[in-house]
């Protein structure tokens, strides 16, 4: 297994670690959770960059990288939903998009074709990660300074925007995949 793929696998272990910290009753848990989540986000950029730079892009990596991203982001969305920072409909839209895109990837894989993430998917992932980190940092600041921020409203607006980006990018991904996959067979 090459280094970029090892980094991707490492990101898969960050998701449960993030959840454990997020739900612990400890001081500065939002800051610590944000840092752990940010570490996962950074590894997403690093593994792809290393794979392309060293010309070691693999089908395994193309397939596993989006799964690692989904694990990390889904963990955060579910944690946010549990504590009232994310509406269930946002989670439903996100998961529906991910299941649809993953289904297309599986159909393609069964036909021997690997469809990598497109630019829309990358924008979706970055917007999700930045929004989630921003909400956690705002939560930490609000907890320290008792500002009374409407964190649930801010979170739902930011995550709602990411849900729209996700749906649009998913529709584009599926539409573009028709060039690679014969959906009639």
N, C-alpha and C. Protein backbone atom coordinates (compact mmCIF):
# COMPACT_ATOMS: atom_id res chain seq x y z
N UNK A 1 0.85 -1.17 0.00
CA UNK A 1 0.00 0.00 0.00
C UNK A 1 0.90 1.24 0.00
N UNK A 2 0.62 2.17 -0.92
CA UNK A 2 1.46 3.36 -1.01
C UNK A 2 1.09 4.38 0.08
N UNK A 3 1.92 5.39 0.23
CA UNK A 3 1.74 6.39 1.30
C UNK A 3 0.41 7.13 1.19
N UNK A 4 0.01 7.61 0.01
CA UNK A 4 -1.29 8.29 -0.05
C UNK A 4 -2.45 7.39 0.41
N UNK A 5 -2.42 6.13 0.06
CA UNK A 5 -3.48 5.22 0.50
C UNK A 5 -3.43 4.98 2.01
N UNK A 6 -2.22 4.95 2.58
CA UNK A 6 -2.10 4.82 4.03
C UNK A 6 -2.70 6.04 4.73
N UNK A 7 -2.47 7.21 4.16
CA UNK A 7 -3.04 8.44 4.73
C UNK A 7 -4.56 8.39 4.65
N UNK A 8 -5.09 7.89 3.55
CA UNK A 8 -6.54 7.76 3.39
C UNK A 8 -7.11 6.82 4.45
N UNK A 9 -6.46 5.70 4.66
CA UNK A 9 -6.91 4.74 5.68
C UNK A 9 -6.84 5.39 7.06
N UNK A 10 -5.78 6.15 7.33
CA UNK A 10 -5.66 6.87 8.60
C UNK A 10 -6.87 7.79 8.81
N UNK A 11 -7.31 8.48 7.74
CA UNK A 11 -8.47 9.36 7.84
C UNK A 11 -9.72 8.59 8.25
N UNK A 12 -9.81 7.35 7.86
CA UNK A 12 -10.97 6.54 8.23
C UNK A 12 -11.02 6.32 9.75
N UNK A 13 -9.86 6.31 10.41
CA UNK A 13 -9.81 6.14 11.86
C UNK A 13 -10.06 7.46 12.60
N UNK A 14 -9.89 8.56 11.90
CA UNK A 14 -10.14 9.86 12.52
C UNK A 14 -11.62 10.07 12.79
N UNK A 15 -12.49 9.53 11.93
CA UNK A 15 -13.94 9.73 12.09
C UNK A 15 -14.45 9.24 13.45
N UNK A 16 -14.17 8.00 13.86
CA UNK A 16 -14.65 7.58 15.18
C UNK A 16 -13.96 8.33 16.32
N UNK A 17 -12.69 8.68 16.16
CA UNK A 17 -12.00 9.47 17.18
C UNK A 17 -12.69 10.82 17.35
N UNK A 18 -13.05 11.44 16.23
CA UNK A 18 -13.78 12.71 16.28
C UNK A 18 -15.07 12.55 17.09
N UNK A 19 -15.82 11.49 16.82
CA UNK A 19 -17.09 11.28 17.53
C UNK A 19 -16.87 11.11 19.04
N UNK A 20 -15.87 10.34 19.39
CA UNK A 20 -15.59 10.12 20.82
C UNK A 20 -15.33 11.45 21.50
N UNK A 21 -14.45 12.25 20.94
CA UNK A 21 -14.10 13.54 21.55
C UNK A 21 -15.32 14.47 21.56
N UNK A 22 -16.07 14.51 20.47
CA UNK A 22 -17.22 15.42 20.36
C UNK A 22 -18.23 15.16 21.48
N UNK A 23 -18.39 13.90 21.86
CA UNK A 23 -19.41 13.57 22.86
C UNK A 23 -18.87 13.43 24.29
N UNK A 24 -17.58 13.61 24.47
CA UNK A 24 -17.03 13.61 25.83
C UNK A 24 -17.45 14.89 26.54
N UNK A 25 -17.58 14.80 27.82
CA UNK A 25 -17.91 15.97 28.62
C UNK A 25 -16.60 16.57 29.15
N UNK A 26 -15.87 17.22 28.23
CA UNK A 26 -14.59 17.80 28.60
C UNK A 26 -14.55 19.27 28.18
N UNK A 27 -13.69 20.00 28.83
CA UNK A 27 -13.53 21.40 28.49
C UNK A 27 -12.89 21.53 27.11
N UNK A 28 -13.35 22.47 26.34
CA UNK A 28 -12.84 22.77 25.00
C UNK A 28 -13.05 21.63 24.00
N UNK A 29 -14.10 20.84 24.22
CA UNK A 29 -14.32 19.71 23.31
C UNK A 29 -14.61 20.17 21.89
N UNK A 30 -15.24 21.34 21.73
CA UNK A 30 -15.51 21.83 20.36
C UNK A 30 -14.21 22.18 19.65
N UNK A 31 -13.28 22.78 20.37
CA UNK A 31 -11.99 23.12 19.79
C UNK A 31 -11.21 21.85 19.45
N UNK A 32 -11.16 20.92 20.37
CA UNK A 32 -10.43 19.67 20.14
C UNK A 32 -11.08 18.90 18.98
N UNK A 33 -12.40 18.86 18.96
CA UNK A 33 -13.12 18.18 17.87
C UNK A 33 -12.81 18.86 16.53
N UNK A 34 -12.80 20.20 16.53
CA UNK A 34 -12.49 20.93 15.30
C UNK A 34 -11.08 20.62 14.83
N UNK A 35 -10.14 20.54 15.75
CA UNK A 35 -8.75 20.24 15.38
C UNK A 35 -8.62 18.82 14.81
N UNK A 36 -9.29 17.87 15.44
CA UNK A 36 -9.26 16.49 14.94
C UNK A 36 -9.90 16.43 13.55
N UNK A 37 -11.05 17.08 13.42
CA UNK A 37 -11.73 17.11 12.13
C UNK A 37 -10.85 17.79 11.08
N UNK A 38 -10.22 18.91 11.44
CA UNK A 38 -9.34 19.62 10.52
C UNK A 38 -8.16 18.74 10.10
N UNK A 39 -7.64 17.94 11.03
CA UNK A 39 -6.57 17.00 10.68
C UNK A 39 -7.06 16.04 9.59
N UNK A 40 -8.27 15.55 9.75
CA UNK A 40 -8.84 14.68 8.72
C UNK A 40 -8.99 15.40 7.39
N UNK A 41 -9.43 16.66 7.45
CA UNK A 41 -9.60 17.44 6.22
C UNK A 41 -8.26 17.67 5.53
N UNK A 42 -7.24 17.94 6.32
CA UNK A 42 -5.91 18.17 5.74
C UNK A 42 -5.37 16.90 5.11
N UNK A 43 -5.61 15.76 5.75
CA UNK A 43 -5.12 14.50 5.15
C UNK A 43 -5.79 14.24 3.81
N UNK A 44 -7.02 14.74 3.63
CA UNK A 44 -7.70 14.58 2.35
C UNK A 44 -6.93 15.31 1.25
N UNK A 45 -6.47 16.50 1.56
CA UNK A 45 -5.70 17.25 0.56
C UNK A 45 -4.33 16.63 0.34
N UNK A 46 -3.71 16.17 1.42
CA UNK A 46 -2.34 15.64 1.33
C UNK A 46 -2.30 14.35 0.51
N UNK A 47 -3.23 13.42 0.78
CA UNK A 47 -3.14 12.13 0.07
C UNK A 47 -3.32 12.30 -1.43
N UNK A 48 -4.26 13.12 -1.82
CA UNK A 48 -4.47 13.35 -3.26
C UNK A 48 -3.28 14.04 -3.91
N UNK A 49 -2.74 15.04 -3.22
CA UNK A 49 -1.59 15.77 -3.75
C UNK A 49 -0.39 14.83 -3.92
N UNK A 50 -0.11 14.03 -2.90
CA UNK A 50 1.02 13.10 -2.99
C UNK A 50 0.84 12.07 -4.11
N UNK A 51 -0.38 11.58 -4.24
CA UNK A 51 -0.63 10.56 -5.27
C UNK A 51 -0.40 11.14 -6.67
N UNK A 52 -0.91 12.36 -6.90
CA UNK A 52 -0.74 12.98 -8.22
C UNK A 52 0.72 13.39 -8.45
N UNK A 53 1.34 13.99 -7.44
CA UNK A 53 2.72 14.47 -7.57
C UNK A 53 3.69 13.34 -7.88
N UNK A 54 3.49 12.21 -7.21
CA UNK A 54 4.40 11.07 -7.38
C UNK A 54 3.91 10.06 -8.41
N UNK A 55 2.84 10.43 -9.09
CA UNK A 55 2.27 9.57 -10.14
C UNK A 55 1.96 8.17 -9.62
N UNK A 56 1.33 8.12 -8.44
CA UNK A 56 0.97 6.83 -7.85
C UNK A 56 -0.54 6.78 -7.53
N UNK A 57 -1.31 7.39 -8.41
CA UNK A 57 -2.76 7.33 -8.28
C UNK A 57 -3.19 5.91 -8.57
N UNK A 58 -3.98 5.31 -7.67
CA UNK A 58 -4.43 3.94 -7.84
C UNK A 58 -5.95 3.89 -7.85
N UNK A 59 -6.49 2.84 -8.43
CA UNK A 59 -7.94 2.65 -8.38
C UNK A 59 -8.39 2.47 -6.93
N UNK A 60 -7.59 1.80 -6.15
CA UNK A 60 -7.89 1.64 -4.72
C UNK A 60 -8.05 3.00 -4.06
N UNK A 61 -7.12 3.90 -4.32
CA UNK A 61 -7.17 5.25 -3.76
C UNK A 61 -8.36 6.05 -4.27
N UNK A 62 -8.63 5.94 -5.57
CA UNK A 62 -9.78 6.66 -6.14
C UNK A 62 -11.08 6.19 -5.52
N UNK A 63 -11.13 4.93 -5.18
CA UNK A 63 -12.35 4.35 -4.60
C UNK A 63 -12.43 4.63 -3.10
N UNK A 64 -11.30 4.47 -2.39
CA UNK A 64 -11.30 4.59 -0.94
C UNK A 64 -11.35 6.03 -0.46
N UNK A 65 -10.72 6.96 -1.17
CA UNK A 65 -10.66 8.35 -0.74
C UNK A 65 -12.05 8.95 -0.52
N UNK A 66 -12.99 8.80 -1.45
CA UNK A 66 -14.32 9.37 -1.19
C UNK A 66 -15.03 8.68 -0.02
N UNK A 67 -14.74 7.41 0.21
CA UNK A 67 -15.37 6.72 1.34
C UNK A 67 -14.84 7.30 2.66
N UNK A 68 -13.53 7.53 2.72
CA UNK A 68 -12.94 8.13 3.92
C UNK A 68 -13.52 9.52 4.16
N UNK A 69 -13.69 10.30 3.10
CA UNK A 69 -14.32 11.62 3.22
C UNK A 69 -15.73 11.51 3.77
N UNK A 70 -16.48 10.57 3.23
CA UNK A 70 -17.87 10.39 3.66
C UNK A 70 -17.94 9.98 5.13
N UNK A 71 -17.03 9.12 5.54
CA UNK A 71 -17.01 8.70 6.95
C UNK A 71 -16.79 9.90 7.87
N UNK A 72 -15.82 10.72 7.54
CA UNK A 72 -15.49 11.87 8.38
C UNK A 72 -16.63 12.88 8.40
N UNK A 73 -17.12 13.24 7.24
CA UNK A 73 -18.17 14.25 7.16
C UNK A 73 -19.48 13.73 7.74
N UNK A 74 -19.82 12.48 7.47
CA UNK A 74 -21.06 11.92 8.02
C UNK A 74 -20.99 11.86 9.53
N UNK A 75 -19.84 11.52 10.08
CA UNK A 75 -19.69 11.52 11.54
C UNK A 75 -20.02 12.89 12.11
N UNK A 76 -19.52 13.92 11.48
CA UNK A 76 -19.78 15.28 11.96
C UNK A 76 -21.25 15.66 11.79
N UNK A 77 -21.83 15.35 10.65
CA UNK A 77 -23.25 15.67 10.44
C UNK A 77 -24.13 14.97 11.47
N UNK A 78 -23.85 13.72 11.74
CA UNK A 78 -24.66 12.98 12.71
C UNK A 78 -24.46 13.53 14.12
N UNK A 79 -23.23 13.88 14.46
CA UNK A 79 -22.96 14.48 15.77
C UNK A 79 -23.70 15.81 15.89
N UNK A 80 -23.63 16.62 14.85
CA UNK A 80 -24.31 17.91 14.86
C UNK A 80 -25.82 17.72 14.99
N UNK A 81 -26.35 16.74 14.29
CA UNK A 81 -27.79 16.48 14.37
C UNK A 81 -28.16 16.06 15.80
N UNK A 82 -27.35 15.24 16.40
CA UNK A 82 -27.62 14.75 17.76
C UNK A 82 -27.71 15.89 18.78
N UNK A 83 -26.91 16.94 18.59
CA UNK A 83 -26.89 18.04 19.56
C UNK A 83 -27.69 19.26 19.09
N UNK A 84 -28.46 19.09 18.01
CA UNK A 84 -29.34 20.17 17.55
C UNK A 84 -28.69 21.22 16.68
N UNK A 85 -27.53 20.91 16.11
CA UNK A 85 -26.85 21.87 15.24
C UNK A 85 -27.07 21.60 13.76
N UNK A 86 -27.83 20.56 13.44
CA UNK A 86 -28.09 20.24 12.04
C UNK A 86 -29.47 19.61 11.91
N UNK A 87 -30.27 20.19 11.05
CA UNK A 87 -31.61 19.69 10.78
C UNK A 87 -31.54 18.32 10.10
N UNK A 88 -32.45 17.46 10.44
CA UNK A 88 -32.47 16.10 9.88
C UNK A 88 -32.60 16.11 8.35
N UNK A 89 -33.27 17.11 7.81
CA UNK A 89 -33.45 17.16 6.35
C UNK A 89 -32.14 17.44 5.63
N UNK A 90 -31.28 18.19 6.27
CA UNK A 90 -29.95 18.42 5.68
C UNK A 90 -29.18 17.10 5.64
N UNK A 91 -29.24 16.36 6.72
CA UNK A 91 -28.56 15.06 6.77
C UNK A 91 -29.17 14.12 5.72
N UNK A 92 -30.48 14.14 5.61
CA UNK A 92 -31.15 13.28 4.62
C UNK A 92 -30.70 13.62 3.20
N UNK A 93 -30.64 14.90 2.87
CA UNK A 93 -30.18 15.31 1.53
C UNK A 93 -28.73 14.86 1.30
N UNK A 94 -27.89 15.07 2.31
CA UNK A 94 -26.48 14.70 2.17
C UNK A 94 -26.33 13.20 1.96
N UNK A 95 -27.01 12.42 2.78
CA UNK A 95 -26.87 10.97 2.68
C UNK A 95 -27.47 10.44 1.38
N UNK A 96 -28.59 11.00 0.96
CA UNK A 96 -29.20 10.57 -0.30
C UNK A 96 -28.25 10.83 -1.46
N UNK A 97 -27.63 12.00 -1.46
CA UNK A 97 -26.66 12.33 -2.51
C UNK A 97 -25.50 11.34 -2.49
N UNK A 98 -24.99 11.05 -1.29
CA UNK A 98 -23.85 10.15 -1.19
C UNK A 98 -24.20 8.73 -1.61
N UNK A 99 -25.39 8.26 -1.22
CA UNK A 99 -25.82 6.92 -1.65
C UNK A 99 -25.98 6.85 -3.16
N UNK A 100 -26.54 7.90 -3.75
CA UNK A 100 -26.74 7.91 -5.21
C UNK A 100 -25.40 7.88 -5.94
N UNK A 101 -24.48 8.74 -5.53
CA UNK A 101 -23.18 8.79 -6.19
C UNK A 101 -22.41 7.49 -5.96
N UNK A 102 -22.47 6.96 -4.75
CA UNK A 102 -21.79 5.69 -4.47
C UNK A 102 -22.39 4.56 -5.29
N UNK A 103 -23.68 4.57 -5.47
CA UNK A 103 -24.34 3.54 -6.30
C UNK A 103 -23.83 3.60 -7.73
N UNK A 104 -23.70 4.81 -8.26
CA UNK A 104 -23.17 4.96 -9.62
C UNK A 104 -21.74 4.45 -9.67
N UNK A 105 -20.96 4.76 -8.64
CA UNK A 105 -19.57 4.27 -8.60
C UNK A 105 -19.52 2.74 -8.57
N UNK A 106 -20.43 2.14 -7.81
CA UNK A 106 -20.46 0.68 -7.73
C UNK A 106 -20.87 0.05 -9.06
N UNK A 107 -21.84 0.66 -9.73
CA UNK A 107 -22.24 0.17 -11.05
C UNK A 107 -21.05 0.25 -12.00
N UNK A 108 -20.35 1.37 -11.96
CA UNK A 108 -19.19 1.55 -12.83
C UNK A 108 -18.11 0.52 -12.49
N UNK A 109 -17.86 0.33 -11.19
CA UNK A 109 -16.83 -0.62 -10.76
C UNK A 109 -17.16 -2.03 -11.23
N UNK A 110 -18.45 -2.39 -11.20
CA UNK A 110 -18.85 -3.71 -11.67
C UNK A 110 -18.58 -3.89 -13.15
N UNK A 111 -18.51 -2.78 -13.86
CA UNK A 111 -18.22 -2.82 -15.30
C UNK A 111 -16.74 -2.55 -15.58
N UNK A 112 -15.93 -2.51 -14.49
CA UNK A 112 -14.50 -2.31 -14.65
C UNK A 112 -14.09 -0.86 -14.85
N UNK A 113 -14.97 0.07 -14.52
CA UNK A 113 -14.69 1.49 -14.70
C UNK A 113 -14.64 2.17 -13.34
N UNK A 114 -13.63 2.98 -13.12
CA UNK A 114 -13.54 3.77 -11.90
C UNK A 114 -13.82 5.22 -12.28
N UNK A 115 -14.85 5.79 -11.66
CA UNK A 115 -15.18 7.19 -11.92
C UNK A 115 -14.70 8.01 -10.72
N UNK A 116 -13.65 8.80 -10.91
CA UNK A 116 -13.15 9.59 -9.78
C UNK A 116 -14.07 10.77 -9.47
N UNK A 117 -13.84 11.38 -8.32
CA UNK A 117 -14.61 12.56 -7.95
C UNK A 117 -14.37 13.66 -8.98
N UNK A 118 -15.41 14.44 -9.25
CA UNK A 118 -15.26 15.58 -10.15
C UNK A 118 -15.07 16.86 -9.34
N UNK A 119 -14.91 17.96 -10.01
CA UNK A 119 -14.66 19.23 -9.32
C UNK A 119 -15.84 19.61 -8.42
N UNK A 120 -17.05 19.29 -8.84
CA UNK A 120 -18.22 19.58 -8.01
C UNK A 120 -18.17 18.82 -6.69
N UNK A 121 -17.75 17.57 -6.74
CA UNK A 121 -17.61 16.78 -5.53
C UNK A 121 -16.53 17.34 -4.62
N UNK A 122 -15.46 17.83 -5.22
CA UNK A 122 -14.38 18.41 -4.42
C UNK A 122 -14.85 19.72 -3.76
N UNK A 123 -15.60 20.53 -4.50
CA UNK A 123 -16.15 21.76 -3.92
C UNK A 123 -17.12 21.42 -2.79
N UNK A 124 -17.94 20.41 -3.01
CA UNK A 124 -18.88 19.96 -1.98
C UNK A 124 -18.13 19.56 -0.71
N UNK A 125 -17.09 18.77 -0.87
CA UNK A 125 -16.33 18.28 0.29
C UNK A 125 -15.67 19.44 1.03
N UNK A 126 -15.05 20.35 0.30
CA UNK A 126 -14.39 21.50 0.94
C UNK A 126 -15.43 22.36 1.66
N UNK A 127 -16.57 22.61 1.03
CA UNK A 127 -17.59 23.46 1.67
C UNK A 127 -18.12 22.79 2.94
N UNK A 128 -18.29 21.48 2.90
CA UNK A 128 -18.74 20.77 4.09
C UNK A 128 -17.71 20.88 5.21
N UNK A 129 -16.47 20.59 4.88
CA UNK A 129 -15.43 20.58 5.90
C UNK A 129 -15.21 21.97 6.50
N UNK A 130 -15.18 22.99 5.65
CA UNK A 130 -14.99 24.36 6.15
C UNK A 130 -16.18 24.77 7.01
N UNK A 131 -17.40 24.47 6.58
CA UNK A 131 -18.58 24.83 7.36
C UNK A 131 -18.60 24.13 8.71
N UNK A 132 -18.31 22.85 8.72
CA UNK A 132 -18.32 22.09 9.97
C UNK A 132 -17.25 22.62 10.94
N UNK A 133 -16.07 22.88 10.43
CA UNK A 133 -15.01 23.42 11.29
C UNK A 133 -15.40 24.80 11.81
N UNK A 134 -15.97 25.64 10.94
CA UNK A 134 -16.38 26.99 11.35
C UNK A 134 -17.40 26.93 12.48
N UNK A 135 -18.37 26.03 12.36
CA UNK A 135 -19.40 25.92 13.40
C UNK A 135 -18.77 25.47 14.72
N UNK A 136 -17.87 24.50 14.66
CA UNK A 136 -17.23 24.05 15.90
C UNK A 136 -16.40 25.16 16.53
N UNK A 137 -15.69 25.91 15.73
CA UNK A 137 -14.90 27.01 16.27
C UNK A 137 -15.80 28.10 16.85
N UNK A 138 -16.90 28.40 16.16
CA UNK A 138 -17.86 29.37 16.71
C UNK A 138 -18.46 28.86 18.01
N UNK A 139 -18.72 27.57 18.08
CA UNK A 139 -19.23 26.97 19.31
C UNK A 139 -18.23 27.11 20.45
N UNK A 140 -16.96 26.92 20.15
CA UNK A 140 -15.91 27.07 21.16
C UNK A 140 -15.83 28.53 21.63
N UNK A 141 -15.83 29.45 20.68
CA UNK A 141 -15.77 30.88 21.02
C UNK A 141 -16.99 31.28 21.84
N UNK A 142 -18.16 30.82 21.43
CA UNK A 142 -19.38 31.15 22.16
C UNK A 142 -19.35 30.56 23.57
N UNK A 143 -18.82 29.37 23.70
CA UNK A 143 -18.71 28.74 25.02
C UNK A 143 -17.75 29.48 25.93
N UNK A 144 -16.68 29.99 25.37
CA UNK A 144 -15.67 30.70 26.17
C UNK A 144 -16.13 32.11 26.54
N UNK A 145 -16.78 32.80 25.62
CA UNK A 145 -17.13 34.20 25.82
C UNK A 145 -18.60 34.43 26.14
N UNK A 146 -19.39 33.38 26.12
CA UNK A 146 -20.84 33.48 26.41
C UNK A 146 -21.48 34.60 25.58
N UNK A 147 -21.27 34.55 24.27
CA UNK A 147 -21.81 35.58 23.38
C UNK A 147 -23.29 35.39 23.09
N UNK A 148 -23.78 34.19 23.29
CA UNK A 148 -25.18 33.91 22.98
C UNK A 148 -25.44 33.81 21.49
N UNK A 149 -24.46 33.33 20.75
CA UNK A 149 -24.63 33.19 19.29
C UNK A 149 -25.75 32.20 18.99
N UNK A 150 -26.54 32.50 17.97
CA UNK A 150 -27.57 31.53 17.56
C UNK A 150 -26.89 30.41 16.74
N UNK A 151 -26.12 29.59 17.43
CA UNK A 151 -25.26 28.60 16.77
C UNK A 151 -26.06 27.63 15.91
N UNK A 152 -27.23 27.19 16.37
CA UNK A 152 -28.03 26.26 15.58
C UNK A 152 -28.47 26.91 14.26
N UNK A 153 -28.85 28.17 14.31
CA UNK A 153 -29.26 28.88 13.09
C UNK A 153 -28.07 29.03 12.14
N UNK A 154 -26.95 29.50 12.68
CA UNK A 154 -25.75 29.66 11.85
C UNK A 154 -25.35 28.34 11.22
N UNK A 155 -25.34 27.29 12.04
CA UNK A 155 -24.97 25.96 11.56
C UNK A 155 -25.90 25.48 10.45
N UNK A 156 -27.21 25.60 10.69
CA UNK A 156 -28.16 25.13 9.68
C UNK A 156 -28.09 25.92 8.38
N UNK A 157 -27.80 27.21 8.46
CA UNK A 157 -27.64 28.00 7.23
C UNK A 157 -26.41 27.52 6.47
N UNK A 158 -25.28 27.43 7.17
CA UNK A 158 -24.05 26.99 6.50
C UNK A 158 -24.18 25.57 5.93
N UNK A 159 -24.73 24.68 6.74
CA UNK A 159 -24.86 23.30 6.28
C UNK A 159 -25.95 23.15 5.23
N UNK A 160 -26.95 24.00 5.28
CA UNK A 160 -27.97 24.01 4.24
C UNK A 160 -27.37 24.40 2.89
N UNK A 161 -26.48 25.38 2.92
CA UNK A 161 -25.78 25.77 1.68
C UNK A 161 -24.95 24.60 1.16
N UNK A 162 -24.26 23.91 2.07
CA UNK A 162 -23.46 22.76 1.62
C UNK A 162 -24.36 21.65 1.07
N UNK A 163 -25.57 21.52 1.62
CA UNK A 163 -26.49 20.50 1.12
C UNK A 163 -26.92 20.82 -0.32
N UNK A 164 -27.17 22.09 -0.59
CA UNK A 164 -27.53 22.50 -1.96
C UNK A 164 -26.37 22.21 -2.90
N UNK A 165 -25.15 22.57 -2.49
CA UNK A 165 -23.97 22.29 -3.30
C UNK A 165 -23.85 20.78 -3.53
N UNK A 166 -24.10 20.00 -2.49
CA UNK A 166 -24.00 18.54 -2.60
C UNK A 166 -24.99 17.98 -3.60
N UNK A 167 -26.23 18.43 -3.51
CA UNK A 167 -27.26 17.92 -4.42
C UNK A 167 -26.92 18.29 -5.86
N UNK A 168 -26.55 19.54 -6.09
CA UNK A 168 -26.20 19.97 -7.45
C UNK A 168 -25.02 19.17 -7.97
N UNK A 169 -23.98 19.02 -7.16
CA UNK A 169 -22.80 18.27 -7.62
C UNK A 169 -23.14 16.80 -7.87
N UNK A 170 -24.05 16.25 -7.06
CA UNK A 170 -24.48 14.86 -7.26
C UNK A 170 -25.24 14.67 -8.56
N UNK A 171 -26.12 15.60 -8.85
CA UNK A 171 -26.87 15.53 -10.12
C UNK A 171 -25.91 15.63 -11.30
N UNK A 172 -24.96 16.55 -11.22
CA UNK A 172 -23.96 16.70 -12.29
C UNK A 172 -23.14 15.42 -12.43
N UNK A 173 -22.73 14.84 -11.32
CA UNK A 173 -21.92 13.61 -11.34
C UNK A 173 -22.68 12.48 -12.03
N UNK A 174 -23.93 12.31 -11.63
CA UNK A 174 -24.74 11.24 -12.23
C UNK A 174 -24.99 11.52 -13.70
N UNK A 175 -25.26 12.76 -14.03
CA UNK A 175 -25.48 13.13 -15.43
C UNK A 175 -24.22 12.85 -16.26
N UNK A 176 -23.07 13.26 -15.76
CA UNK A 176 -21.82 13.02 -16.48
C UNK A 176 -21.47 11.55 -16.58
N UNK A 177 -21.90 10.76 -15.62
CA UNK A 177 -21.55 9.34 -15.62
C UNK A 177 -22.26 8.58 -16.74
N UNK A 178 -23.30 9.15 -17.28
CA UNK A 178 -24.02 8.49 -18.38
C UNK A 178 -23.10 8.29 -19.59
N UNK A 179 -22.05 9.08 -19.66
CA UNK A 179 -21.08 8.95 -20.75
C UNK A 179 -20.22 7.70 -20.57
N UNK A 180 -20.09 7.25 -19.32
CA UNK A 180 -19.21 6.13 -19.00
C UNK A 180 -19.99 4.85 -18.80
N UNK A 181 -21.20 4.97 -18.26
CA UNK A 181 -22.00 3.80 -17.92
C UNK A 181 -23.25 3.75 -18.77
N UNK A 182 -23.53 2.56 -19.30
CA UNK A 182 -24.78 2.36 -20.01
C UNK A 182 -25.83 1.94 -18.98
N UNK A 183 -26.68 2.87 -18.61
CA UNK A 183 -27.66 2.60 -17.55
C UNK A 183 -28.80 1.69 -18.05
N UNK A 184 -28.82 1.37 -19.33
CA UNK A 184 -29.87 0.51 -19.87
C UNK A 184 -29.58 -0.96 -19.65
N UNK A 185 -28.31 -1.29 -19.43
CA UNK A 185 -27.96 -2.72 -19.26
C UNK A 185 -27.76 -3.08 -17.83
